[in-house]
Amino acid sequence: MDGHTEGVTSVAFSSDGSRIVSGSFDRSVRVWDASTGQELKVMDGHTEGVTSVAFSSDGSRIVSGSWDRSVRVWDASTGQELKVVDGHTGIVTSVAFSSDGSRIVSGSFDRSVRVWDASTGQELKVMDGHTEGVTSVAFSSDGSRIVSGSWDRSVRVWDASTGQELKVVDGHTGIVTSVAFSSDGSRIVSGSFDRSVR
């Protein structure tokens, strides 16, 4: 699938597997037909490169984060920009929807993890604790917890409702680049520049 004019930074499938969303340093978010490779939509609005993209679980919306420090929500069918969410003071590195689509979590080089109302854009929680930039964030499948990874080499688990830090997991000797929950929420996996997966 060709169309982006600069490097692609993030890709994701819709939950039904019919579409793919991509984000790029060319500042665009694009939607593709996963079977034919046809470009379905181009979403322009970010003023700097896009770092992270994700579909809502029902496939109706897309969230994107960017070097422009904003989080944006898009209508996946029409390409319309639904919401611009400002609040981060550094590059937004990672974004994700909660499984019910009601909330968005974002991580940033400003060291914070933030939770937003996906409909209104209201900031619901700010989680501070990382001592360097946040690289990756994810919700547990039930939406009760958030996991984050950081340049500070730690993995942290947060209560998604209260913002309380539940756990700090140390062990990596390099930047933590990616984190995820298992489907039942009982385990976390992390990847790092220390060459390990834990």
Protein backbone atom coordinates (compact mmCIF):
# COMPACT_ATOMS: atom_id res chain seq x y z
CA MET A 1 0.00 0.00 0.00
CA ASP A 2 1.73 3.09 -1.25
CA GLY A 3 0.58 6.63 -0.62
CA HIS A 4 2.51 8.07 2.28
CA THR A 5 5.26 10.45 1.26
CA GLU A 6 7.45 9.91 4.33
CA GLY A 7 8.17 7.08 6.76
CA VAL A 8 5.27 5.16 8.30
CA THR A 9 5.44 5.11 12.11
CA SER A 10 2.35 3.16 13.19
CA VAL A 11 -0.21 0.71 11.74
CA ALA A 12 -3.25 -1.13 13.11
CA PHE A 13 -6.09 -3.33 11.91
CA SER A 14 -9.75 -2.65 12.59
CA SER A 15 -11.22 -5.33 14.89
CA ASP A 16 -12.98 -7.06 11.98
CA GLY A 17 -9.79 -7.07 9.94
CA SER A 18 -11.33 -5.29 6.97
CA ARG A 19 -9.37 -2.05 7.23
CA ILE A 20 -5.90 -0.85 8.15
CA VAL A 21 -4.98 2.55 9.57
CA SER A 22 -1.51 4.03 9.20
CA GLY A 23 0.25 7.10 10.52
CA SER A 24 3.31 8.76 9.03
CA PHE A 25 5.93 11.46 9.33
CA ASP A 26 4.11 13.03 6.36
CA ARG A 27 1.57 14.22 9.00
CA SER A 28 -1.30 12.16 7.57
CA VAL A 29 -3.46 9.34 8.88
CA ARG A 30 -4.65 6.97 6.14
CA VAL A 31 -7.21 4.18 6.00
CA TRP A 32 -6.81 1.26 3.61
CA ASP A 33 -8.94 -1.66 2.46
CA ALA A 34 -7.10 -4.63 3.94
CA SER A 35 -8.11 -6.96 1.09
CA THR A 36 -7.55 -4.79 -1.96
CA GLY A 37 -4.99 -2.32 -0.60
CA GLN A 38 -7.12 0.57 -1.86
CA GLU A 39 -6.69 3.87 -0.04
CA LEU A 40 -10.09 4.72 1.46
CA LYS A 41 -9.41 7.94 3.40
CA VAL A 42 -6.67 10.46 4.05
CA MET A 43 -6.98 12.43 7.28
CA ASP A 44 -5.00 15.66 7.38
CA GLY A 45 -4.84 17.88 10.43
CA HIS A 46 -1.71 17.13 12.38
CA THR A 47 0.93 19.81 11.92
CA GLU A 48 3.86 17.46 12.57
CA GLY A 49 4.53 13.76 12.08
CA VAL A 50 2.08 11.16 13.38
CA THR A 51 3.56 8.73 15.91
CA SER A 52 0.70 6.38 16.85
CA VAL A 53 -2.70 5.31 15.50
CA ALA A 54 -5.47 2.96 16.67
CA PHE A 55 -9.05 1.99 15.83
CA SER A 56 -11.84 1.95 18.39
CA SER A 57 -13.10 -1.60 18.98
CA ASP A 58 -16.25 -1.00 16.90
CA GLY A 59 -14.17 0.43 14.04
CA SER A 60 -16.08 3.71 13.93
CA ARG A 61 -13.28 5.98 15.13
CA ILE A 62 -9.54 6.36 14.90
CA VAL A 63 -7.25 8.03 17.42
CA SER A 64 -3.85 9.45 16.53
CA GLY A 65 -0.96 11.03 18.41
CA SER A 66 1.71 13.29 16.99
CA TRP A 67 4.92 15.25 17.36
CA ASP A 68 2.60 18.30 17.38
CA ARG A 69 1.69 17.25 20.98
CA SER A 70 -1.98 16.70 20.14
CA VAL A 71 -4.28 13.70 20.26
CA ARG A 72 -6.89 13.66 17.49
CA VAL A 73 -10.04 11.59 17.01
CA TRP A 74 -11.38 10.88 13.52
CA ASP A 75 -14.50 9.38 12.00
CA ALA A 76 -13.11 6.25 10.36
CA SER A 77 -15.75 6.22 7.61
CA THR A 78 -15.86 9.85 6.58
CA GLY A 79 -12.36 10.94 7.62
CA GLN A 80 -13.83 13.89 9.51
CA GLU A 81 -11.81 15.22 12.43
CA LEU A 82 -14.08 14.83 15.46
CA LYS A 83 -11.89 16.14 18.24
CA VAL A 84 -8.51 17.76 18.85
CA VAL A 85 -7.29 17.02 22.37
CA ASP A 86 -4.55 19.26 23.73
CA GLY A 87 -2.84 18.98 27.09
CA HIS A 88 0.47 17.23 26.60
CA THR A 89 3.53 19.47 26.63
CA GLY A 90 5.72 17.01 24.73
CA ILE A 91 5.52 14.70 21.75
CA VAL A 92 2.63 12.22 22.03
CA THR A 93 4.23 8.82 21.50
CA SER A 94 1.41 6.33 22.02
CA VAL A 95 -2.40 6.30 21.98
CA ALA A 96 -5.10 3.67 22.53
CA PHE A 97 -8.84 3.36 23.05
CA SER A 98 -10.39 1.52 25.97
CA SER A 99 -12.24 -1.60 24.82
CA ASP A 100 -15.64 0.11 25.16
CA GLY A 101 -14.41 3.14 23.21
CA SER A 102 -15.33 5.61 25.94
CA ARG A 103 -11.79 6.62 26.89
CA ILE A 104 -8.43 7.26 25.27
CA VAL A 105 -5.06 6.83 26.93
CA SER A 106 -1.98 8.67 25.70
CA GLY A 107 1.68 8.70 26.63
CA SER A 108 4.14 11.48 25.96
CA PHE A 109 7.72 12.65 26.18
CA ASP A 110 6.39 15.08 28.83
CA ARG A 111 6.65 11.97 31.11
CA SER A 112 2.89 11.76 31.71
CA VAL A 113 0.20 9.24 30.95
CA ARG A 114 -3.20 10.86 30.40
CA VAL A 115 -6.75 9.57 30.12
CA TRP A 116 -9.35 11.44 28.09
CA ASP A 117 -13.08 11.20 27.48
CA ALA A 118 -13.20 10.00 23.87
CA SER A 119 -16.40 11.91 23.09
CA THR A 120 -15.80 15.25 24.77
CA GLY A 121 -12.00 15.37 24.84
CA GLN A 122 -12.10 16.19 28.55
CA GLU A 123 -8.97 15.24 30.46
CA LEU A 124 -10.00 12.69 33.08
CA LYS A 125 -6.70 11.74 34.68
CA VAL A 126 -3.02 12.64 34.59
CA MET A 127 -0.64 9.93 35.81
CA ASP A 128 2.77 11.22 36.82
CA GLY A 129 5.54 8.92 37.97
CA HIS A 130 7.82 8.21 35.05
CA THR A 131 11.07 10.14 35.27
CA GLU A 132 11.65 10.20 31.52
CA GLY A 133 9.47 10.17 28.41
CA VAL A 134 6.70 7.60 28.01
CA THR A 135 7.02 5.41 24.92
CA SER A 136 4.04 3.05 25.02
CA VAL A 137 0.63 2.76 26.71
CA ALA A 138 -2.20 0.23 26.71
CA PHE A 139 -5.50 -0.48 28.48
CA SER A 140 -6.32 -3.85 30.01
CA SER A 141 -9.23 -5.51 28.19
CA ASP A 142 -11.68 -4.62 30.97
CA GLY A 143 -10.48 -1.01 30.98
CA SER A 144 -9.63 -1.03 34.69
CA ARG A 145 -5.87 -0.67 34.34
CA ILE A 146 -3.28 0.99 32.14
CA VAL A 147 0.29 -0.13 31.52
CA SER A 148 3.04 2.22 30.40
CA GLY A 149 6.67 1.90 29.37
CA SER A 150 9.31 4.60 29.39
CA TRP A 151 12.79 5.82 28.62
CA ASP A 152 13.32 5.53 32.40
CA ARG A 153 13.46 1.73 31.81
CA SER A 154 10.43 1.02 34.00
CA VAL A 155 7.03 -0.53 33.32
CA ARG A 156 4.24 0.97 35.41
CA VAL A 157 0.68 -0.16 36.06
CA TRP A 158 -2.02 2.37 36.90
CA ASP A 159 -5.63 2.32 38.07
CA ALA A 160 -7.44 3.75 35.05
CA SER A 161 -10.24 5.27 37.14
CA THR A 162 -8.30 6.86 40.00
CA GLY A 163 -4.94 7.38 38.31
CA GLN A 164 -3.20 5.68 41.22
CA GLU A 165 0.12 3.99 40.49
CA LEU A 166 -0.39 0.33 41.33
CA LYS A 167 2.98 -1.15 40.43
CA VAL A 168 6.44 -0.20 39.25
CA VAL A 169 8.21 -3.03 37.47
CA ASP A 170 11.97 -2.63 37.15
CA GLY A 171 14.27 -5.05 35.42
CA HIS A 172 14.98 -3.73 31.95
CA THR A 173 18.42 -2.23 31.47
CA GLY A 174 17.42 -0.22 28.42
CA ILE A 175 14.58 1.99 27.24
CA VAL A 176 11.21 0.20 27.36
CA THR A 177 9.75 0.63 23.88
CA SER A 178 6.51 -1.37 23.92
CA VAL A 179 4.03 -2.75 26.46
CA ALA A 180 0.81 -4.77 26.29
CA PHE A 181 -1.63 -6.72 28.47
CA SER A 182 -2.62 -10.32 27.84
CA SER A 183 -6.27 -10.70 26.82
CA ASP A 184 -7.33 -11.75 30.34
CA GLY A 185 -5.29 -8.97 31.95
CA SER A 186 -3.25 -11.31 34.13
CA ARG A 187 0.08 -10.69 32.44
CA ILE A 188 2.05 -7.85 30.89
CA VAL A 189 4.66 -8.12 28.16
CA SER A 190 7.34 -5.50 27.55
CA GLY A 191 10.05 -4.99 24.97
CA SER A 192 13.22 -2.97 25.41
CA PHE A 193 16.35 -1.65 23.78
CA ASP A 194 18.16 -4.02 26.15
CA ARG A 195 17.21 -6.64 23.51
CA SER A 196 14.86 -8.54 25.85
CA VAL A 197 11.16 -9.29 25.94
CA ARG A 198 9.83 -9.77 29.46
